[in-house]
Amino acid sequence: MRFKALAERYQHVIRFGLYGHTHNERPNLVRSVSDSKNIGINFVAGSVTTETNKNPSFHVLEIDAEFFTIVNI
């Protein structure tokens, strides 16, 4: 709840969150505390090491230089 409140307050500064590591990748929308609007996106990246029956992960992010937003993953 505290993270969401901070993300909402600073949504003009925070463009996206990039976290790791898990062995399952997943994008995650950040919703506003007050009105449930989408205010950001987080991406939990997979591990670069293997785990049973899973491949290692590697990502290249293209980021817009002016707006600092993800253009392509």
PDB file of N, CA and C in Angstrom:
ATOM      1  N   MET A   1       0.824  -1.181   0.000  1.00  0.00           N
ATOM      2  CA  MET A   1       0.000   0.000   0.000  1.00  0.00           C
ATOM      3  C   MET A   1       0.875   1.255   0.000  1.00  0.00           C
ATOM      4  N   ARG A   2       1.954   1.249   0.765  1.00  0.00           N
ATOM      5  CA  ARG A   2       2.841   2.410   0.824  1.00  0.00           C
ATOM      6  C   ARG A   2       3.522   2.640  -0.527  1.00  0.00           C
ATOM      7  N   PHE A   3       3.954   1.548  -1.184  1.00  0.00           N
ATOM      8  CA  PHE A   3       4.576   1.685  -2.499  1.00  0.00           C
ATOM      9  C   PHE A   3       3.602   2.314  -3.488  1.00  0.00           C
ATOM     10  N   LYS A   4       2.364   1.853  -3.480  1.00  0.00           N
ATOM     11  CA  LYS A   4       1.364   2.409  -4.394  1.00  0.00           C
ATOM     12  C   LYS A   4       1.145   3.894  -4.143  1.00  0.00           C
ATOM     13  N   ALA A   5       1.111   4.294  -2.883  1.00  0.00           N
ATOM     14  CA  ALA A   5       0.923   5.708  -2.556  1.00  0.00           C
ATOM     15  C   ALA A   5       2.105   6.532  -3.064  1.00  0.00           C
ATOM     16  N   LEU A   6       3.328   6.021  -2.906  1.00  0.00           N
ATOM     17  CA  LEU A   6       4.504   6.728  -3.409  1.00  0.00           C
ATOM     18  C   LEU A   6       4.519   6.764  -4.934  1.00  0.00           C
ATOM     19  N   ALA A   7       4.153   5.642  -5.567  1.00  0.00           N
ATOM     20  CA  ALA A   7       4.105   5.594  -7.024  1.00  0.00           C
ATOM     21  C   ALA A   7       3.076   6.583  -7.565  1.00  0.00           C
ATOM     22  N   GLU A   8       1.954   6.704  -6.879  1.00  0.00           N
ATOM     23  CA  GLU A   8       0.928   7.655  -7.307  1.00  0.00           C
ATOM     24  C   GLU A   8       1.412   9.096  -7.137  1.00  0.00           C
ATOM     25  N   ARG A   9       2.035   9.376  -6.017  1.00  0.00           N
ATOM     26  CA  ARG A   9       2.501  10.738  -5.750  1.00  0.00           C
ATOM     27  C   ARG A   9       3.582  11.175  -6.734  1.00  0.00           C
ATOM     28  N   TYR A  10       4.463  10.248  -7.118  1.00  0.00           N
ATOM     29  CA  TYR A  10       5.588  10.580  -7.996  1.00  0.00           C
ATOM     30  C   TYR A  10       5.450   9.975  -9.392  1.00  0.00           C
ATOM     31  N   GLN A  11       4.229   9.768  -9.858  1.00  0.00           N
ATOM     32  CA  GLN A  11       4.032   9.161 -11.169  1.00  0.00           C
ATOM     33  C   GLN A  11       4.595  10.019 -12.301  1.00  0.00           C
ATOM     34  N   HIS A  12       4.782  11.297 -12.077  1.00  0.00           N
ATOM     35  CA  HIS A  12       5.383  12.165 -13.087  1.00  0.00           C
ATOM     36  C   HIS A  12       6.899  11.951 -13.184  1.00  0.00           C
ATOM     37  N   VAL A  13       7.476  11.250 -12.200  1.00  0.00           N
ATOM     38  CA  VAL A  13       8.913  10.989 -12.173  1.00  0.00           C
ATOM     39  C   VAL A  13       9.206   9.515 -12.447  1.00  0.00           C
ATOM     40  N   ILE A  14       8.468   8.613 -11.810  1.00  0.00           N
ATOM     41  CA  ILE A  14       8.690   7.171 -11.943  1.00  0.00           C
ATOM     42  C   ILE A  14       8.055   6.705 -13.248  1.00  0.00           C
ATOM     43  N   ARG A  15       8.877   6.229 -14.168  1.00  0.00           N
ATOM     44  CA  ARG A  15       8.368   5.786 -15.470  1.00  0.00           C
ATOM     45  C   ARG A  15       8.036   4.299 -15.481  1.00  0.00           C
ATOM     46  N   PHE A  16       8.870   3.495 -14.851  1.00  0.00           N
ATOM     47  CA  PHE A  16       8.607   2.063 -14.739  1.00  0.00           C
ATOM     48  C   PHE A  16       9.519   1.494 -13.670  1.00  0.00           C
ATOM     49  N   GLY A  17       9.172   0.308 -13.198  1.00  0.00           N
ATOM     50  CA  GLY A  17      10.009  -0.391 -12.227  1.00  0.00           C
ATOM     51  C   GLY A  17      10.536  -1.661 -12.861  1.00  0.00           C
ATOM     52  N   LEU A  18      11.774  -1.976 -12.611  1.00  0.00           N
ATOM     53  CA  LEU A  18      12.388  -3.189 -13.136  1.00  0.00           C
ATOM     54  C   LEU A  18      12.977  -3.938 -11.958  1.00  0.00           C
ATOM     55  N   TYR A  19      12.475  -5.140 -11.732  1.00  0.00           N
ATOM     56  CA  TYR A  19      12.869  -5.915 -10.565  1.00  0.00           C
ATOM     57  C   TYR A  19      13.342  -7.301 -10.987  1.00  0.00           C
ATOM     58  N   GLY A  20      14.115  -7.938 -10.185  1.00  0.00           N
ATOM     59  CA  GLY A  20      14.546  -9.299 -10.410  1.00  0.00           C
ATOM     60  C   GLY A  20      15.137  -9.793  -9.097  1.00  0.00           C
ATOM     61  N   HIS A  21      15.287 -10.985  -8.892  1.00  0.00           N
ATOM     62  CA  HIS A  21      15.103 -12.026  -9.858  1.00  0.00           C
ATOM     63  C   HIS A  21      14.067 -13.018  -9.345  1.00  0.00           C
ATOM     64  N   THR A  22      13.276 -13.506 -10.232  1.00  0.00           N
ATOM     65  CA  THR A  22      12.402 -14.636  -9.975  1.00  0.00           C
ATOM     66  C   THR A  22      12.640 -15.613 -11.105  1.00  0.00           C
ATOM     67  N   HIS A  23      12.105 -16.768 -11.025  1.00  0.00           N
ATOM     68  CA  HIS A  23      12.249 -17.704 -12.129  1.00  0.00           C
ATOM     69  C   HIS A  23      11.019 -17.688 -13.021  1.00  0.00           C
ATOM     70  N   ASN A  24      10.136 -16.759 -12.766  1.00  0.00           N
ATOM     71  CA  ASN A  24       8.961 -16.537 -13.617  1.00  0.00           C
ATOM     72  C   ASN A  24       8.873 -15.043 -13.916  1.00  0.00           C
ATOM     73  N   GLU A  25       8.897 -14.690 -15.205  1.00  0.00           N
ATOM     74  CA  GLU A  25       8.792 -13.281 -15.585  1.00  0.00           C
ATOM     75  C   GLU A  25       7.339 -12.854 -15.510  1.00  0.00           C
ATOM     76  N   ARG A  26       7.144 -11.561 -15.188  1.00  0.00           N
ATOM     77  CA  ARG A  26       5.772 -11.075 -15.237  1.00  0.00           C
ATOM     78  C   ARG A  26       5.736  -9.554 -15.224  1.00  0.00           C
ATOM     79  N   PRO A  27       4.923  -8.983 -16.112  1.00  0.00           N
ATOM     80  CA  PRO A  27       4.651  -7.551 -16.030  1.00  0.00           C
ATOM     81  C   PRO A  27       3.574  -7.322 -14.973  1.00  0.00           C
ATOM     82  N   ASN A  28       3.554  -6.140 -14.409  1.00  0.00           N
ATOM     83  CA  ASN A  28       2.605  -5.841 -13.350  1.00  0.00           C
ATOM     84  C   ASN A  28       2.175  -4.382 -13.465  1.00  0.00           C
ATOM     85  N   LEU A  29       0.880  -4.134 -13.587  1.00  0.00           N
ATOM     86  CA  LEU A  29       0.380  -2.763 -13.628  1.00  0.00           C
ATOM     87  C   LEU A  29       0.296  -2.196 -12.221  1.00  0.00           C
ATOM     88  N   VAL A  30       0.672  -0.938 -12.078  1.00  0.00           N
ATOM     89  CA  VAL A  30       0.541  -0.239 -10.805  1.00  0.00           C
ATOM     90  C   VAL A  30      -0.709   0.614 -10.900  1.00  0.00           C
ATOM     91  N   ARG A  31      -1.617   0.409  -9.976  1.00  0.00           N
ATOM     92  CA  ARG A  31      -2.875   1.151  -9.990  1.00  0.00           C
ATOM     93  C   ARG A  31      -2.893   2.189  -8.880  1.00  0.00           C
ATOM     94  N   SER A  32      -3.567   3.288  -9.155  1.00  0.00           N
ATOM     95  CA  SER A  32      -3.705   4.368  -8.191  1.00  0.00           C
ATOM     96  C   SER A  32      -4.476   3.895  -6.964  1.00  0.00           C
ATOM     97  N   VAL A  33      -4.091   4.390  -5.800  1.00  0.00           N
ATOM     98  CA  VAL A  33      -4.779   4.059  -4.560  1.00  0.00           C
ATOM     99  C   VAL A  33      -6.160   4.711  -4.524  1.00  0.00           C
ATOM    100  N   SER A  34      -6.243   5.935  -5.011  1.00  0.00           N
ATOM    101  CA  SER A  34      -7.482   6.706  -4.879  1.00  0.00           C
ATOM    102  C   SER A  34      -8.570   6.336  -5.875  1.00  0.00           C
ATOM    103  N   ASP A  35      -8.216   6.088  -7.154  1.00  0.00           N
ATOM    104  CA  ASP A  35      -9.265   5.855  -8.141  1.00  0.00           C
ATOM    105  C   ASP A  35      -9.018   4.663  -9.067  1.00  0.00           C
ATOM    106  N   SER A  36      -8.075   3.823  -8.750  1.00  0.00           N
ATOM    107  CA  SER A  36      -7.767   2.589  -9.485  1.00  0.00           C
ATOM    108  C   SER A  36      -7.371   2.812 -10.949  1.00  0.00           C
ATOM    109  N   LYS A  37      -6.851   3.990 -11.294  1.00  0.00           N
ATOM    110  CA  LYS A  37      -6.320   4.216 -12.632  1.00  0.00           C
ATOM    111  C   LYS A  37      -4.954   3.549 -12.748  1.00  0.00           C
ATOM    112  N   ASN A  38      -4.594   3.133 -13.967  1.00  0.00           N
ATOM    113  CA  ASN A  38      -3.249   2.621 -14.209  1.00  0.00           C
ATOM    114  C   ASN A  38      -2.284   3.796 -14.206  1.00  0.00           C
ATOM    115  N   ILE A  39      -1.276   3.744 -13.342  1.00  0.00           N
ATOM    116  CA  ILE A  39      -0.328   4.855 -13.252  1.00  0.00           C
ATOM    117  C   ILE A  39       1.101   4.440 -13.564  1.00  0.00           C
ATOM    118  N   GLY A  40       1.338   3.165 -13.782  1.00  0.00           N
ATOM    119  CA  GLY A  40       2.696   2.729 -14.092  1.00  0.00           C
ATOM    120  C   GLY A  40       2.758   1.256 -14.384  1.00  0.00           C
ATOM    121  N   ILE A  41       3.946   0.807 -14.718  1.00  0.00           N
ATOM    122  CA  ILE A  41       4.163  -0.607 -14.984  1.00  0.00           C
ATOM    123  C   ILE A  41       5.468  -1.048 -14.331  1.00  0.00           C
ATOM    124  N   ASN A  42       5.445  -2.229 -13.781  1.00  0.00           N
ATOM    125  CA  ASN A  42       6.642  -2.860 -13.228  1.00  0.00           C
ATOM    126  C   ASN A  42       6.883  -4.136 -14.012  1.00  0.00           C
ATOM    127  N   PHE A  43       8.119  -4.497 -14.161  1.00  0.00           N
ATOM    128  CA  PHE A  43       8.458  -5.739 -14.833  1.00  0.00           C
ATOM    129  C   PHE A  43       9.383  -6.524 -13.925  1.00  0.00           C
ATOM    130  N   VAL A  44       8.967  -7.723 -13.564  1.00  0.00           N
ATOM    131  CA  VAL A  44       9.799  -8.609 -12.754  1.00  0.00           C
ATOM    132  C   VAL A  44      10.506  -9.546 -13.723  1.00  0.00           C
ATOM    133  N   ALA A  45      11.813  -9.377 -13.825  1.00  0.00           N
ATOM    134  CA  ALA A  45      12.602 -10.140 -14.789  1.00  0.00           C
ATOM    135  C   ALA A  45      12.973 -11.505 -14.235  1.00  0.00           C
ATOM    136  N   GLY A  46      13.125 -12.436 -15.130  1.00  0.00           N
ATOM    137  CA  GLY A  46      13.545 -13.774 -14.746  1.00  0.00           C
ATOM    138  C   GLY A  46      15.029 -13.828 -14.428  1.00  0.00           C
ATOM    139  N   SER A  47      15.440 -14.912 -13.868  1.00  0.00           N
ATOM    140  CA  SER A  47      16.836 -15.115 -13.489  1.00  0.00           C
ATOM    141  C   SER A  47      17.686 -15.451 -14.714  1.00  0.00           C
ATOM    142  N   VAL A  48      18.964 -15.101 -14.667  1.00  0.00           N
ATOM    143  CA  VAL A  48      19.873 -15.499 -15.741  1.00  0.00           C
ATOM    144  C   VAL A  48      20.450 -16.885 -15.481  1.00  0.00           C
ATOM    145  N   THR A  49      20.125 -17.460 -14.335  1.00  0.00           N
ATOM    146  CA  THR A  49      20.548 -18.831 -14.046  1.00  0.00           C
ATOM    147  C   THR A  49      19.371 -19.767 -14.275  1.00  0.00           C
ATOM    148  N   THR A  50      19.676 -21.011 -14.543  1.00  0.00           N
ATOM    149  CA  THR A  50      18.622 -21.978 -14.821  1.00  0.00           C
ATOM    150  C   THR A  50      18.032 -22.549 -13.541  1.00  0.00           C
ATOM    151  N   GLU A  51      16.852 -23.086 -13.682  1.00  0.00           N
ATOM    152  CA  GLU A  51      16.203 -23.832 -12.621  1.00  0.00           C
ATOM    153  C   GLU A  51      15.568 -25.035 -13.308  1.00  0.00           C
ATOM    154  N   THR A  52      15.215 -26.036 -12.598  1.00  0.00           N
ATOM    155  CA  THR A  52      14.657 -27.244 -13.186  1.00  0.00           C
ATOM    156  C   THR A  52      13.521 -26.916 -14.148  1.00  0.00           C
ATOM    157  N   ASN A  53      13.647 -27.387 -15.380  1.00  0.00           N
ATOM    158  CA  ASN A  53      12.648 -27.227 -16.441  1.00  0.00           C
ATOM    159  C   ASN A  53      12.382 -25.774 -16.842  1.00  0.00           C
ATOM    160  N   LYS A  54      13.320 -24.871 -16.592  1.00  0.00           N
ATOM    161  CA  LYS A  54      13.155 -23.472 -16.992  1.00  0.00           C
ATOM    162  C   LYS A  54      14.434 -22.972 -17.645  1.00  0.00           C
ATOM    163  N   ASN A  55      14.271 -22.105 -18.622  1.00  0.00           N
ATOM    164  CA  ASN A  55      15.418 -21.540 -19.323  1.00  0.00           C
ATOM    165  C   ASN A  55      15.888 -20.261 -18.637  1.00  0.00           C
ATOM    166  N   PRO A  56      17.167 -19.910 -18.813  1.00  0.00           N
ATOM    167  CA  PRO A  56      17.631 -18.626 -18.285  1.00  0.00           C
ATOM    168  C   PRO A  56      16.976 -17.475 -19.051  1.00  0.00           C
ATOM    169  N   SER A  57      16.996 -16.308 -18.465  1.00  0.00           N
ATOM    170  CA  SER A  57      16.308 -15.153 -19.029  1.00  0.00           C
ATOM    171  C   SER A  57      17.308 -14.066 -19.414  1.00  0.00           C
ATOM    172  N   PHE A  58      17.021 -13.389 -20.504  1.00  0.00           N
ATOM    173  CA  PHE A  58      17.827 -12.255 -20.937  1.00  0.00           C
ATOM    174  C   PHE A  58      16.906 -11.298 -21.674  1.00  0.00           C
ATOM    175  N   HIS A  59      16.962 -10.016 -21.343  1.00  0.00           N
ATOM    176  CA  HIS A  59      16.086  -9.028 -21.969  1.00  0.00           C
ATOM    177  C   HIS A  59      16.871  -7.822 -22.440  1.00  0.00           C
ATOM    178  N   VAL A  60      16.434  -7.267 -23.533  1.00  0.00           N
ATOM    179  CA  VAL A  60      16.952  -5.997 -24.009  1.00  0.00           C
ATOM    180  C   VAL A  60      15.776  -5.039 -24.004  1.00  0.00           C
ATOM    181  N   LEU A  61      15.916  -3.937 -23.276  1.00  0.00           N
ATOM    182  CA  LEU A  61      14.862  -2.932 -23.210  1.00  0.00           C
ATOM    183  C   LEU A  61      15.248  -1.744 -24.065  1.00  0.00           C
ATOM    184  N   GLU A  62      14.336  -1.323 -24.949  1.00  0.00           N
ATOM    185  CA  GLU A  62      14.533  -0.086 -25.694  1.00  0.00           C
ATOM    186  C   GLU A  62      13.735   0.990 -24.972  1.00  0.00           C
ATOM    187  N   ILE A  63      14.410   2.077 -24.612  1.00  0.00           N
ATOM    188  CA  ILE A  63      13.776   3.137 -23.832  1.00  0.00           C
ATOM    189  C   ILE A  63      13.839   4.447 -24.603  1.00  0.00           C
ATOM    190  N   ASP A  64      12.700   5.127 -24.675  1.00  0.00           N
ATOM    191  CA  ASP A  64      12.626   6.430 -25.324  1.00  0.00           C
ATOM    192  C   ASP A  64      13.512   7.423 -24.559  1.00  0.00           C
ATOM    193  N   ALA A  65      14.463   8.057 -25.238  1.00  0.00           N
ATOM    194  CA  ALA A  65      15.423   8.942 -24.585  1.00  0.00           C
ATOM    195  C   ALA A  65      14.798  10.215 -24.030  1.00  0.00           C
ATOM    196  N   GLU A  66      13.716  10.667 -24.640  1.00  0.00           N
ATOM    197  CA  GLU A  66      13.094  11.905 -24.183  1.00  0.00           C
ATOM    198  C   GLU A  66      12.158  11.689 -22.998  1.00  0.00           C
ATOM    199  N   PHE A  67      11.319  10.641 -23.079  1.00  0.00           N
ATOM    200  CA  PHE A  67      10.296  10.428 -22.055  1.00  0.00           C
ATOM    201  C   PHE A  67      10.637   9.319 -21.062  1.00  0.00           C
ATOM    202  N   PHE A  68      11.745   8.612 -21.287  1.00  0.00           N
ATOM    203  CA  PHE A  68      12.162   7.514 -20.411  1.00  0.00           C
ATOM    204  C   PHE A  68      11.069   6.482 -20.208  1.00  0.00           C
ATOM    205  N   THR A  69      10.425   6.096 -21.279  1.00  0.00           N
ATOM    206  CA  THR A  69       9.408   5.046 -21.232  1.00  0.00           C
ATOM    207  C   THR A  69       9.878   3.874 -22.093  1.00  0.00           C
ATOM    208  N   ILE A  70       9.415   2.691 -21.758  1.00  0.00           N
ATOM    209  CA  ILE A  70       9.787   1.500 -22.499  1.00  0.00           C
ATOM    210  C   ILE A  70       9.096   1.521 -23.862  1.00  0.00           C
ATOM    211  N   VAL A  71       9.875   1.351 -24.925  1.00  0.00           N
ATOM    212  CA  VAL A  71       9.343   1.311 -26.273  1.00  0.00           C
ATOM    213  C   VAL A  71       9.182  -0.133 -26.740  1.00  0.00           C
ATOM    214  N   ASN A  72      10.152  -0.972 -26.350  1.00  0.00           N
ATOM    215  CA  ASN A  72      10.140  -2.358 -26.799  1.00  0.00           C
ATOM    216  C   ASN A  72      10.933  -3.203 -25.814  1.00  0.00           C
ATOM    217  N   ILE A  73      10.454  -4.451 -25.605  1.00  0.00           N
ATOM    218  CA  ILE A  73      11.181  -5.401 -24.760  1.00  0.00           C
ATOM    219  C   ILE A  73      11.571  -6.574 -25.634  1.00  0.00           C
TER     220      ILE A  73
END
